[in-house]
Amino acid sequence: MNIQIIGRNNCFDTKKALRFFKERGKSVQYVDLAQRGLSEGELNNVLRALGGDIDVLINQKHRDAALIRYLTTQGKFEKLLEEPKYLKTPIVRCGAKATVGVAADIWAAWLRQS
């Protein structure tokens, strides 16, 4: 089981996710959005795992979130690719499954299944 955490170094929720897996002795692959954004394929895989709702991925607390709220779904997708600062973090992936934000109960279930 390969766990991938996509987030930012200055995000407290990303730090919670990293700590969650570290405390349980699980190694993770960490991707810092400040250094490297998501590719189109990665974003498609995350969307597929989340049921296709792109609004779940948008950080509503970001000061500029209102600028993309009224875009079409394709427009939101392209904006998230161009500017990953709009993504809600952490995005935690485990195979074909993914979560957005802190979801410790789901992560614990993933660890029990492995």
PDB file of N, CA and C in Angstrom:
ATOM      1  N   MET A   1       0.849  -1.174   0.000  1.00  0.00           N
ATOM      2  CA  MET A   1       0.000   0.000   0.000  1.00  0.00           C
ATOM      3  C   MET A   1       0.892   1.234   0.000  1.00  0.00           C
ATOM      4  N   ASN A   2       0.688   2.080  -0.984  1.00  0.00           N
ATOM      5  CA  ASN A   2       1.478   3.295  -1.125  1.00  0.00           C
ATOM      6  C   ASN A   2       0.596   4.501  -0.811  1.00  0.00           C
ATOM      7  N   ILE A   3       0.995   5.265   0.193  1.00  0.00           N
ATOM      8  CA  ILE A   3       0.258   6.460   0.593  1.00  0.00           C
ATOM      9  C   ILE A   3       0.969   7.674   0.028  1.00  0.00           C
ATOM     10  N   GLN A   4       0.214   8.550  -0.619  1.00  0.00           N
ATOM     11  CA  GLN A   4       0.766   9.792  -1.154  1.00  0.00           C
ATOM     12  C   GLN A   4      -0.006  10.952  -0.535  1.00  0.00           C
ATOM     13  N   ILE A   5       0.741  11.898   0.049  1.00  0.00           N
ATOM     14  CA  ILE A   5       0.136  13.086   0.637  1.00  0.00           C
ATOM     15  C   ILE A   5       0.540  14.286  -0.204  1.00  0.00           C
ATOM     16  N   ILE A   6      -0.450  14.998  -0.696  1.00  0.00           N
ATOM     17  CA  ILE A   6      -0.224  16.184  -1.517  1.00  0.00           C
ATOM     18  C   ILE A   6      -0.692  17.380  -0.700  1.00  0.00           C
ATOM     19  N   GLY A   7       0.221  18.311  -0.448  1.00  0.00           N
ATOM     20  CA  GLY A   7      -0.141  19.454   0.379  1.00  0.00           C
ATOM     21  C   GLY A   7       0.903  20.548   0.332  1.00  0.00           C
ATOM     22  N   ARG A   8       0.848  21.398   1.353  1.00  0.00           N
ATOM     23  CA  ARG A   8       1.797  22.505   1.468  1.00  0.00           C
ATOM     24  C   ARG A   8       2.490  22.419   2.820  1.00  0.00           C
ATOM     25  N   ASN A   9       3.741  22.859   2.875  1.00  0.00           N
ATOM     26  CA  ASN A   9       4.497  22.815   4.125  1.00  0.00           C
ATOM     27  C   ASN A   9       3.893  23.698   5.204  1.00  0.00           C
ATOM     28  N   ASN A  10       3.233  24.785   4.833  1.00  0.00           N
ATOM     29  CA  ASN A  10       2.682  25.707   5.825  1.00  0.00           C
ATOM     30  C   ASN A  10       1.222  25.413   6.181  1.00  0.00           C
ATOM     31  N   CYS A  11       0.703  24.280   5.756  1.00  0.00           N
ATOM     32  CA  CYS A  11      -0.690  23.904   6.013  1.00  0.00           C
ATOM     33  C   CYS A  11      -0.760  22.986   7.240  1.00  0.00           C
ATOM     34  N   PHE A  12      -1.512  23.399   8.257  1.00  0.00           N
ATOM     35  CA  PHE A  12      -1.614  22.612   9.483  1.00  0.00           C
ATOM     36  C   PHE A  12      -2.291  21.265   9.241  1.00  0.00           C
ATOM     37  N   ASP A  13      -3.281  21.214   8.359  1.00  0.00           N
ATOM     38  CA  ASP A  13      -3.948  19.942   8.070  1.00  0.00           C
ATOM     39  C   ASP A  13      -3.007  18.964   7.371  1.00  0.00           C
ATOM     40  N   THR A  14      -2.130  19.477   6.518  1.00  0.00           N
ATOM     41  CA  THR A  14      -1.133  18.616   5.879  1.00  0.00           C
ATOM     42  C   THR A  14      -0.191  18.055   6.933  1.00  0.00           C
ATOM     43  N   LYS A  15       0.197  18.881   7.885  1.00  0.00           N
ATOM     44  CA  LYS A  15       1.071  18.418   8.974  1.00  0.00           C
ATOM     45  C   LYS A  15       0.374  17.350   9.809  1.00  0.00           C
ATOM     46  N   LYS A  16      -0.948  17.493  10.018  1.00  0.00           N
ATOM     47  CA  LYS A  16      -1.708  16.480  10.751  1.00  0.00           C
ATOM     48  C   LYS A  16      -1.685  15.147  10.012  1.00  0.00           C
ATOM     49  N   ALA A  17      -1.845  15.200   8.693  1.00  0.00           N
ATOM     50  CA  ALA A  17      -1.839  13.972   7.893  1.00  0.00           C
ATOM     51  C   ALA A  17      -0.471  13.299   7.952  1.00  0.00           C
ATOM     52  N   LEU A  18       0.587  14.077   7.800  1.00  0.00           N
ATOM     53  CA  LEU A  18       1.937  13.515   7.871  1.00  0.00           C
ATOM     54  C   LEU A  18       2.183  12.886   9.239  1.00  0.00           C
ATOM     55  N   ARG A  19       1.761  13.569  10.304  1.00  0.00           N
ATOM     56  CA  ARG A  19       1.952  13.060  11.661  1.00  0.00           C
ATOM     57  C   ARG A  19       1.131  11.785  11.886  1.00  0.00           C
ATOM     58  N   PHE A  20      -0.095  11.742  11.349  1.00  0.00           N
ATOM     59  CA  PHE A  20      -0.957  10.572  11.507  1.00  0.00           C
ATOM     60  C   PHE A  20      -0.249   9.308  11.021  1.00  0.00           C
ATOM     61  N   PHE A  21       0.306   9.372   9.814  1.00  0.00           N
ATOM     62  CA  PHE A  21       0.949   8.184   9.248  1.00  0.00           C
ATOM     63  C   PHE A  21       2.300   7.906   9.901  1.00  0.00           C
ATOM     64  N   LYS A  22       3.018   8.947  10.296  1.00  0.00           N
ATOM     65  CA  LYS A  22       4.307   8.758  10.957  1.00  0.00           C
ATOM     66  C   LYS A  22       4.120   8.063  12.302  1.00  0.00           C
ATOM     67  N   GLU A  23       3.099   8.463  13.063  1.00  0.00           N
ATOM     68  CA  GLU A  23       2.830   7.855  14.365  1.00  0.00           C
ATOM     69  C   GLU A  23       2.478   6.380  14.238  1.00  0.00           C
ATOM     70  N   ARG A  24       1.967   5.985  13.106  1.00  0.00           N
ATOM     71  CA  ARG A  24       1.588   4.589  12.882  1.00  0.00           C
ATOM     72  C   ARG A  24       2.659   3.807  12.126  1.00  0.00           C
ATOM     73  N   GLY A  25       3.815   4.444  11.929  1.00  0.00           N
ATOM     74  CA  GLY A  25       4.950   3.768  11.305  1.00  0.00           C
ATOM     75  C   GLY A  25       4.793   3.509   9.822  1.00  0.00           C
ATOM     76  N   LYS A  26       3.960   4.292   9.168  1.00  0.00           N
ATOM     77  CA  LYS A  26       3.729   4.102   7.732  1.00  0.00           C
ATOM     78  C   LYS A  26       4.496   5.162   6.955  1.00  0.00           C
ATOM     79  N   SER A  27       5.318   4.732   6.014  1.00  0.00           N
ATOM     80  CA  SER A  27       6.049   5.698   5.188  1.00  0.00           C
ATOM     81  C   SER A  27       5.115   6.234   4.104  1.00  0.00           C
ATOM     82  N   VAL A  28       5.297   7.504   3.778  1.00  0.00           N
ATOM     83  CA  VAL A  28       4.447   8.158   2.789  1.00  0.00           C
ATOM     84  C   VAL A  28       5.313   8.883   1.773  1.00  0.00           C
ATOM     85  N   GLN A  29       4.728   9.127   0.622  1.00  0.00           N
ATOM     86  CA  GLN A  29       5.359   9.975  -0.386  1.00  0.00           C
ATOM     87  C   GLN A  29       4.695  11.337  -0.253  1.00  0.00           C
ATOM     88  N   TYR A  30       5.504  12.371  -0.050  1.00  0.00           N
ATOM     89  CA  TYR A  30       4.970  13.719   0.143  1.00  0.00           C
ATOM     90  C   TYR A  30       5.250  14.561  -1.088  1.00  0.00           C
ATOM     91  N   VAL A  31       4.219  15.245  -1.578  1.00  0.00           N
ATOM     92  CA  VAL A  31       4.345  16.147  -2.718  1.00  0.00           C
ATOM     93  C   VAL A  31       3.979  17.547  -2.239  1.00  0.00           C
ATOM     94  N   ASP A  32       4.929  18.478  -2.333  1.00  0.00           N
ATOM     95  CA  ASP A  32       4.699  19.858  -1.916  1.00  0.00           C
ATOM     96  C   ASP A  32       4.149  20.651  -3.100  1.00  0.00           C
ATOM     97  N   LEU A  33       2.926  21.141  -2.958  1.00  0.00           N
ATOM     98  CA  LEU A  33       2.287  21.884  -4.048  1.00  0.00           C
ATOM     99  C   LEU A  33       2.995  23.196  -4.355  1.00  0.00           C
ATOM    100  N   ALA A  34       3.739  23.724  -3.393  1.00  0.00           N
ATOM    101  CA  ALA A  34       4.466  24.968  -3.645  1.00  0.00           C
ATOM    102  C   ALA A  34       5.601  24.743  -4.641  1.00  0.00           C
ATOM    103  N   GLN A  35       6.117  23.519  -4.687  1.00  0.00           N
ATOM    104  CA  GLN A  35       7.212  23.207  -5.604  1.00  0.00           C
ATOM    105  C   GLN A  35       6.726  22.570  -6.895  1.00  0.00           C
ATOM    106  N   ARG A  36       5.696  21.750  -6.800  1.00  0.00           N
ATOM    107  CA  ARG A  36       5.231  21.007  -7.961  1.00  0.00           C
ATOM    108  C   ARG A  36       3.720  20.852  -7.878  1.00  0.00           C
ATOM    109  N   GLY A  37       3.038  21.310  -8.888  1.00  0.00           N
ATOM    110  CA  GLY A  37       1.582  21.172  -8.923  1.00  0.00           C
ATOM    111  C   GLY A  37       1.179  19.772  -9.364  1.00  0.00           C
ATOM    112  N   LEU A  38      -0.091  19.569  -9.522  1.00  0.00           N
ATOM    113  CA  LEU A  38      -0.591  18.285 -10.000  1.00  0.00           C
ATOM    114  C   LEU A  38      -0.610  18.265 -11.522  1.00  0.00           C
ATOM    115  N   SER A  39      -0.339  17.100 -12.079  1.00  0.00           N
ATOM    116  CA  SER A  39      -0.475  16.949 -13.525  1.00  0.00           C
ATOM    117  C   SER A  39      -1.956  16.730 -13.842  1.00  0.00           C
ATOM    118  N   GLU A  40      -2.287  16.824 -15.101  1.00  0.00           N
ATOM    119  CA  GLU A  40      -3.676  16.627 -15.513  1.00  0.00           C
ATOM    120  C   GLU A  40      -4.151  15.221 -15.157  1.00  0.00           C
ATOM    121  N   GLY A  41      -3.301  14.229 -15.357  1.00  0.00           N
ATOM    122  CA  GLY A  41      -3.660  12.850 -15.031  1.00  0.00           C
ATOM    123  C   GLY A  41      -3.866  12.642 -13.538  1.00  0.00           C
ATOM    124  N   GLU A  42      -2.997  13.237 -12.723  1.00  0.00           N
ATOM    125  CA  GLU A  42      -3.143  13.115 -11.270  1.00  0.00           C
ATOM    126  C   GLU A  42      -4.447  13.753 -10.797  1.00  0.00           C
ATOM    127  N   LEU A  43      -4.736  14.934 -11.323  1.00  0.00           N
ATOM    128  CA  LEU A  43      -5.967  15.618 -10.936  1.00  0.00           C
ATOM    129  C   LEU A  43      -7.193  14.819 -11.379  1.00  0.00           C
ATOM    130  N   ASN A  44      -7.145  14.228 -12.565  1.00  0.00           N
ATOM    131  CA  ASN A  44      -8.247  13.376 -13.030  1.00  0.00           C
ATOM    132  C   ASN A  44      -8.437  12.171 -12.120  1.00  0.00           C
ATOM    133  N   ASN A  45      -7.328  11.539 -11.701  1.00  0.00           N
ATOM    134  CA  ASN A  45      -7.416  10.380 -10.811  1.00  0.00           C
ATOM    135  C   ASN A  45      -8.025  10.752  -9.464  1.00  0.00           C
ATOM    136  N   VAL A  46      -7.623  11.891  -8.926  1.00  0.00           N
ATOM    137  CA  VAL A  46      -8.178  12.347  -7.650  1.00  0.00           C
ATOM    138  C   VAL A  46      -9.668  12.640  -7.802  1.00  0.00           C
ATOM    139  N   LEU A  47     -10.041  13.314  -8.875  1.00  0.00           N
ATOM    140  CA  LEU A  47     -11.458  13.613  -9.120  1.00  0.00           C
ATOM    141  C   LEU A  47     -12.283  12.338  -9.243  1.00  0.00           C
ATOM    142  N   ARG A  48     -11.753  11.365  -9.943  1.00  0.00           N
ATOM    143  CA  ARG A  48     -12.455  10.092 -10.109  1.00  0.00           C
ATOM    144  C   ARG A  48     -12.659   9.424  -8.747  1.00  0.00           C
ATOM    145  N   ALA A  49     -11.635   9.464  -7.898  1.00  0.00           N
ATOM    146  CA  ALA A  49     -11.725   8.851  -6.574  1.00  0.00           C
ATOM    147  C   ALA A  49     -12.717   9.580  -5.672  1.00  0.00           C
ATOM    148  N   LEU A  50     -12.905  10.870  -5.916  1.00  0.00           N
ATOM    149  CA  LEU A  50     -13.824  11.671  -5.098  1.00  0.00           C
ATOM    150  C   LEU A  50     -15.228  11.740  -5.687  1.00  0.00           C
ATOM    151  N   GLY A  51     -15.482  10.987  -6.721  1.00  0.00           N
ATOM    152  CA  GLY A  51     -16.811  10.955  -7.312  1.00  0.00           C
ATOM    153  C   GLY A  51     -17.066  12.028  -8.350  1.00  0.00           C
ATOM    154  N   GLY A  52     -16.021  12.713  -8.792  1.00  0.00           N
ATOM    155  CA  GLY A  52     -16.151  13.680  -9.867  1.00  0.00           C
ATOM    156  C   GLY A  52     -16.571  15.082  -9.456  1.00  0.00           C
ATOM    157  N   ASP A  53     -16.734  15.338  -8.171  1.00  0.00           N
ATOM    158  CA  ASP A  53     -17.157  16.667  -7.709  1.00  0.00           C
ATOM    159  C   ASP A  53     -15.940  17.565  -7.510  1.00  0.00           C
ATOM    160  N   ILE A  54     -15.703  18.454  -8.457  1.00  0.00           N
ATOM    161  CA  ILE A  54     -14.512  19.308  -8.418  1.00  0.00           C
ATOM    162  C   ILE A  54     -14.596  20.360  -7.312  1.00  0.00           C
ATOM    163  N   ASP A  55     -15.809  20.716  -6.888  1.00  0.00           N
ATOM    164  CA  ASP A  55     -15.955  21.732  -5.843  1.00  0.00           C
ATOM    165  C   ASP A  55     -15.381  21.268  -4.503  1.00  0.00           C
ATOM    166  N   VAL A  56     -15.312  19.953  -4.291  1.00  0.00           N
ATOM    167  CA  VAL A  56     -14.717  19.414  -3.065  1.00  0.00           C
ATOM    168  C   VAL A  56     -13.230  19.768  -2.992  1.00  0.00           C
ATOM    169  N   LEU A  57     -12.585  19.883  -4.141  1.00  0.00           N
ATOM    170  CA  LEU A  57     -11.149  20.160  -4.190  1.00  0.00           C
ATOM    171  C   LEU A  57     -10.799  21.629  -3.995  1.00  0.00           C
ATOM    172  N   ILE A  58     -11.776  22.508  -4.082  1.00  0.00           N
ATOM    173  CA  ILE A  58     -11.491  23.942  -3.998  1.00  0.00           C
ATOM    174  C   ILE A  58     -11.492  24.389  -2.543  1.00  0.00           C
ATOM    175  N   ASN A  59     -10.420  25.058  -2.149  1.00  0.00           N
ATOM    176  CA  ASN A  59     -10.295  25.584  -0.798  1.00  0.00           C
ATOM    177  C   ASN A  59     -11.168  26.834  -0.676  1.00  0.00           C
ATOM    178  N   GLN A  60     -12.318  26.691  -0.040  1.00  0.00           N
ATOM    179  CA  GLN A  60     -13.261  27.804   0.077  1.00  0.00           C
ATOM    180  C   GLN A  60     -12.753  28.898   1.011  1.00  0.00           C
ATOM    181  N   LYS A  61     -11.749  28.588   1.829  1.00  0.00           N
ATOM    182  CA  LYS A  61     -11.197  29.579   2.755  1.00  0.00           C
ATOM    183  C   LYS A  61     -10.143  30.466   2.102  1.00  0.00           C
ATOM    184  N   HIS A  62      -9.722  30.110   0.905  1.00  0.00           N
ATOM    185  CA  HIS A  62      -8.720  30.929   0.215  1.00  0.00           C
ATOM    186  C   HIS A  62      -9.340  32.276  -0.131  1.00  0.00           C
ATOM    187  N   ARG A  63      -8.559  33.324   0.026  1.00  0.00           N
ATOM    188  CA  ARG A  63      -9.106  34.676  -0.166  1.00  0.00           C
ATOM    189  C   ARG A  63      -9.601  34.930  -1.590  1.00  0.00           C
ATOM    190  N   ASP A  64      -9.086  34.193  -2.568  1.00  0.00           N
ATOM    191  CA  ASP A  64      -9.497  34.386  -3.958  1.00  0.00           C
ATOM    192  C   ASP A  64     -10.445  33.293  -4.458  1.00  0.00           C
ATOM    193  N   ALA A  65     -10.990  32.489  -3.562  1.00  0.00           N
ATOM    194  CA  ALA A  65     -11.854  31.376  -3.977  1.00  0.00           C
ATOM    195  C   ALA A  65     -13.095  31.864  -4.715  1.00  0.00           C
ATOM    196  N   ALA A  66     -13.565  33.042  -4.384  1.00  0.00           N
ATOM    197  CA  ALA A  66     -14.761  33.574  -5.048  1.00  0.00           C
ATOM    198  C   ALA A  66     -14.519  33.816  -6.534  1.00  0.00           C
ATOM    199  N   LEU A  67     -13.267  33.979  -6.916  1.00  0.00           N
ATOM    200  CA  LEU A  67     -12.953  34.240  -8.320  1.00  0.00           C
ATOM    201  C   LEU A  67     -13.222  33.031  -9.212  1.00  0.00           C
ATOM    202  N   ILE A  68     -13.145  31.831  -8.649  1.00  0.00           N
ATOM    203  CA  ILE A  68     -13.359  30.643  -9.481  1.00  0.00           C
ATOM    204  C   ILE A  68     -14.673  29.933  -9.178  1.00  0.00           C
ATOM    205  N   ARG A  69     -15.404  30.415  -8.217  1.00  0.00           N
ATOM    206  CA  ARG A  69     -16.655  29.763  -7.811  1.00  0.00           C
ATOM    207  C   ARG A  69     -17.648  29.638  -8.959  1.00  0.00           C
ATOM    208  N   TYR A  70     -17.689  30.618  -9.843  1.00  0.00           N
ATOM    209  CA  TYR A  70     -18.706  30.643 -10.894  1.00  0.00           C
ATOM    210  C   TYR A  70     -18.189  30.181 -12.254  1.00  0.00           C
ATOM    211  N   LEU A  71     -16.987  29.644 -12.294  1.00  0.00           N
ATOM    212  CA  LEU A  71     -16.464  29.093 -13.545  1.00  0.00           C
ATOM    213  C   LEU A  71     -17.164  27.780 -13.866  1.00  0.00           C
ATOM    214  N   THR A  72     -17.100  27.376 -15.116  1.00  0.00           N
ATOM    215  CA  THR A  72     -17.618  26.061 -15.495  1.00  0.00           C
ATOM    216  C   THR A  72     -16.728  24.995 -14.877  1.00  0.00           C
ATOM    217  N   THR A  73     -17.177  23.763 -14.907  1.00  0.00           N
ATOM    218  CA  THR A  73     -16.380  22.672 -14.354  1.00  0.00           C
ATOM    219  C   THR A  73     -15.037  22.578 -15.062  1.00  0.00           C
ATOM    220  N   GLN A  74     -15.037  22.708 -16.386  1.00  0.00           N
ATOM    221  CA  GLN A  74     -13.784  22.669 -17.143  1.00  0.00           C
ATOM    222  C   GLN A  74     -12.897  23.858 -16.779  1.00  0.00           C
ATOM    223  N   GLY A  75     -13.496  25.019 -16.591  1.00  0.00           N
ATOM    224  CA  GLY A  75     -12.745  26.204 -16.197  1.00  0.00           C
ATOM    225  C   GLY A  75     -12.101  26.036 -14.826  1.00  0.00           C
ATOM    226  N   LYS A  76     -12.839  25.434 -13.886  1.00  0.00           N
ATOM    227  CA  LYS A  76     -12.288  25.169 -12.553  1.00  0.00           C
ATOM    228  C   LYS A  76     -11.129  24.186 -12.646  1.00  0.00           C
ATOM    229  N   PHE A  77     -11.304  23.148 -13.468  1.00  0.00           N
ATOM    230  CA  PHE A  77     -10.261  22.141 -13.647  1.00  0.00           C
ATOM    231  C   PHE A  77      -8.977  22.795 -14.151  1.00  0.00           C
ATOM    232  N   GLU A  78      -9.099  23.619 -15.169  1.00  0.00           N
ATOM    233  CA  GLU A  78      -7.926  24.285 -15.741  1.00  0.00           C
ATOM    234  C   GLU A  78      -7.289  25.245 -14.742  1.00  0.00           C
ATOM    235  N   LYS A  79      -8.107  25.938 -13.958  1.00  0.00           N
ATOM    236  CA  LYS A  79      -7.584  26.876 -12.961  1.00  0.00           C
ATOM    237  C   LYS A  79      -6.819  26.132 -11.865  1.00  0.00           C
ATOM    238  N   LEU A  80      -7.320  24.961 -11.454  1.00  0.00           N
ATOM    239  CA  LEU A  80      -6.621  24.172 -10.440  1.00  0.00           C
ATOM    240  C   LEU A  80      -5.287  23.650 -10.965  1.00  0.00           C
ATOM    241  N   LEU A  81      -5.231  23.342 -12.257  1.00  0.00           N
ATOM    242  CA  LEU A  81      -3.962  22.914 -12.851  1.00  0.00           C
ATOM    243  C   LEU A  81      -2.970  24.067 -12.909  1.00  0.00           C
ATOM    244  N   GLU A  82      -3.461  25.242 -13.294  1.00  0.00           N
ATOM    245  CA  GLU A  82      -2.591  26.418 -13.423  1.00  0.00           C
ATOM    246  C   GLU A  82      -2.119  26.930 -12.069  1.00  0.00           C
ATOM    247  N   GLU A  83      -3.031  26.974 -11.111  1.00  0.00           N
ATOM    248  CA  GLU A  83      -2.725  27.569  -9.812  1.00  0.00           C
ATOM    249  C   GLU A  83      -3.160  26.626  -8.685  1.00  0.00           C
ATOM    250  N   PRO A  84      -2.260  25.734  -8.266  1.00  0.00           N
ATOM    251  CA  PRO A  84      -2.612  24.768  -7.223  1.00  0.00           C
ATOM    252  C   PRO A  84      -2.868  25.396  -5.855  1.00  0.00           C
ATOM    253  N   LYS A  85      -2.659  26.705  -5.724  1.00  0.00           N
ATOM    254  CA  LYS A  85      -2.949  27.369  -4.443  1.00  0.00           C
ATOM    255  C   LYS A  85      -4.435  27.302  -4.104  1.00  0.00           C
ATOM    256  N   TYR A  86      -5.281  27.037  -5.088  1.00  0.00           N
ATOM    257  CA  TYR A  86      -6.719  26.935  -4.855  1.00  0.00           C
ATOM    258  C   TYR A  86      -7.145  25.556  -4.354  1.00  0.00           C
ATOM    259  N   LEU A  87      -6.241  24.583  -4.360  1.00  0.00           N
ATOM    260  CA  LEU A  87      -6.585  23.235  -3.922  1.00  0.00           C
ATOM    261  C   LEU A  87      -6.694  23.163  -2.407  1.00  0.00           C
ATOM    262  N   LYS A  88      -7.704  22.463  -1.930  1.00  0.00           N
ATOM    263  CA  LYS A  88      -7.835  22.193  -0.506  1.00  0.00           C
ATOM    264  C   LYS A  88      -6.849  21.081  -0.170  1.00  0.00           C
ATOM    265  N   THR A  89      -6.134  21.229   0.917  1.00  0.00           N
ATOM    266  CA  THR A  89      -5.127  20.240   1.284  1.00  0.00           C
ATOM    267  C   THR A  89      -5.395  19.708   2.688  1.00  0.00           C
ATOM    268  N   PRO A  90      -4.895  18.552   3.026  1.00  0.00           N
ATOM    269  CA  PRO A  90      -4.110  17.655   2.195  1.00  0.00           C
ATOM    270  C   PRO A  90      -5.002  16.782   1.314  1.00  0.00           C
ATOM    271  N   ILE A  91      -4.440  16.386   0.197  1.00  0.00           N
ATOM    272  CA  ILE A  91      -5.055  15.364  -0.639  1.00  0.00           C
ATOM    273  C   ILE A  91      -4.260  14.101  -0.350  1.00  0.00           C
ATOM    274  N   VAL A  92      -4.922  13.102   0.194  1.00  0.00           N
ATOM    275  CA  VAL A  92      -4.249  11.855   0.560  1.00  0.00           C
ATOM    276  C   VAL A  92      -4.757  10.768  -0.370  1.00  0.00           C
ATOM    277  N   ARG A  93      -3.809  10.117  -1.048  1.00  0.00           N
ATOM    278  CA  ARG A  93      -4.154   9.061  -2.004  1.00  0.00           C
ATOM    279  C   ARG A  93      -3.623   7.725  -1.517  1.00  0.00           C
ATOM    280  N   CYS A  94      -4.422   6.709  -1.735  1.00  0.00           N
ATOM    281  CA  CYS A  94      -4.028   5.334  -1.429  1.00  0.00           C
ATOM    282  C   CYS A  94      -4.564   4.477  -2.572  1.00  0.00           C
ATOM    283  N   GLY A  95      -3.715   4.197  -3.542  1.00  0.00           N
ATOM    284  CA  GLY A  95      -4.164   3.469  -4.721  1.00  0.00           C
ATOM    285  C   GLY A  95      -5.181   4.294  -5.487  1.00  0.00           C
ATOM    286  N   ALA A  96      -6.365   3.721  -5.706  1.00  0.00           N
ATOM    287  CA  ALA A  96      -7.409   4.425  -6.452  1.00  0.00           C
ATOM    288  C   ALA A  96      -8.320   5.240  -5.544  1.00  0.00           C
ATOM    289  N   LYS A  97      -8.055   5.226  -4.226  1.00  0.00           N
ATOM    290  CA  LYS A  97      -8.878   5.969  -3.270  1.00  0.00           C
ATOM    291  C   LYS A  97      -8.198   7.284  -2.920  1.00  0.00           C
ATOM    292  N   ALA A  98      -8.993   8.271  -2.534  1.00  0.00           N
ATOM    293  CA  ALA A  98      -8.435   9.569  -2.152  1.00  0.00           C
ATOM    294  C   ALA A  98      -9.367  10.273  -1.178  1.00  0.00           C
ATOM    295  N   THR A  99      -8.767  11.138  -0.357  1.00  0.00           N
ATOM    296  CA  THR A  99      -9.534  12.007   0.535  1.00  0.00           C
ATOM    297  C   THR A  99      -8.993  13.423   0.406  1.00  0.00           C
ATOM    298  N   VAL A 100      -9.824  14.388   0.770  1.00  0.00           N
ATOM    299  CA  VAL A 100      -9.412  15.788   0.796  1.00  0.00           C
ATOM    300  C   VAL A 100      -9.692  16.301   2.197  1.00  0.00           C
ATOM    301  N   GLY A 101      -8.706  16.974   2.783  1.00  0.00           N
ATOM    302  CA  GLY A 101      -8.840  17.443   4.152  1.00  0.00           C
ATOM    303  C   GLY A 101      -8.471  16.330   5.121  1.00  0.00           C
ATOM    304  N   VAL A 102      -8.656  16.596   6.399  1.00  0.00           N
ATOM    305  CA  VAL A 102      -8.321  15.612   7.429  1.00  0.00           C
ATOM    306  C   VAL A 102      -9.452  14.593   7.514  1.00  0.00           C
ATOM    307  N   ALA A 103      -9.113  13.323   7.286  1.00  0.00           N
ATOM    308  CA  ALA A 103     -10.092  12.232   7.342  1.00  0.00           C
ATOM    309  C   ALA A 103      -9.452  11.036   8.037  1.00  0.00           C
ATOM    310  N   ALA A 104      -9.109  11.219   9.312  1.00  0.00           N
ATOM    311  CA  ALA A 104      -8.363  10.208  10.063  1.00  0.00           C
ATOM    312  C   ALA A 104      -9.092   8.871  10.132  1.00  0.00           C
ATOM    313  N   ASP A 105     -10.415   8.885  10.218  1.00  0.00           N
ATOM    314  CA  ASP A 105     -11.158   7.629  10.288  1.00  0.00           C
ATOM    315  C   ASP A 105     -11.024   6.818   9.003  1.00  0.00           C
ATOM    316  N   ILE A 106     -11.029   7.488   7.875  1.00  0.00           N
ATOM    317  CA  ILE A 106     -10.859   6.801   6.588  1.00  0.00           C
ATOM    318  C   ILE A 106      -9.429   6.292   6.450  1.00  0.00           C
ATOM    319  N   TRP A 107      -8.459   7.105   6.848  1.00  0.00           N
ATOM    320  CA  TRP A 107      -7.055   6.680   6.773  1.00  0.00           C
ATOM    321  C   TRP A 107      -6.815   5.459   7.659  1.00  0.00           C
ATOM    322  N   ALA A 108      -7.418   5.456   8.847  1.00  0.00           N
ATOM    323  CA  ALA A 108      -7.268   4.315   9.753  1.00  0.00           C
ATOM    324  C   ALA A 108      -7.857   3.056   9.119  1.00  0.00           C
ATOM    325  N   ALA A 109      -8.982   3.196   8.423  1.00  0.00           N
ATOM    326  CA  ALA A 109      -9.588   2.050   7.736  1.00  0.00           C
ATOM    327  C   ALA A 109      -8.658   1.532   6.642  1.00  0.00           C
ATOM    328  N   TRP A 110      -7.996   2.445   5.922  1.00  0.00           N
ATOM    329  CA  TRP A 110      -7.035   2.020   4.901  1.00  0.00           C
ATOM    330  C   TRP A 110      -5.912   1.208   5.529  1.00  0.00           C
ATOM    331  N   LEU A 111      -5.418   1.658   6.677  1.00  0.00           N
ATOM    332  CA  LEU A 111      -4.314   0.961   7.339  1.00  0.00           C
ATOM    333  C   LEU A 111      -4.755  -0.403   7.857  1.00  0.00           C
ATOM    334  N   ARG A 112      -5.996  -0.513   8.330  1.00  0.00           N
ATOM    335  CA  ARG A 112      -6.500  -1.807   8.805  1.00  0.00           C
ATOM    336  C   ARG A 112      -6.632  -2.799   7.652  1.00  0.00           C
ATOM    337  N   GLN A 113      -6.966  -2.312   6.469  1.00  0.00           N
ATOM    338  CA  GLN A 113      -7.150  -3.188   5.314  1.00  0.00           C
ATOM    339  C   GLN A 113      -5.835  -3.714   4.763  1.00  0.00           C
ATOM    340  N   SER A 114      -4.749  -3.011   5.038  1.00  0.00           N
ATOM    341  CA  SER A 114      -3.462  -3.446   4.462  1.00  0.00           C
ATOM    342  C   SER A 114      -2.804  -4.541   5.261  1.00  0.00           C
TER     343      SER A 114
END
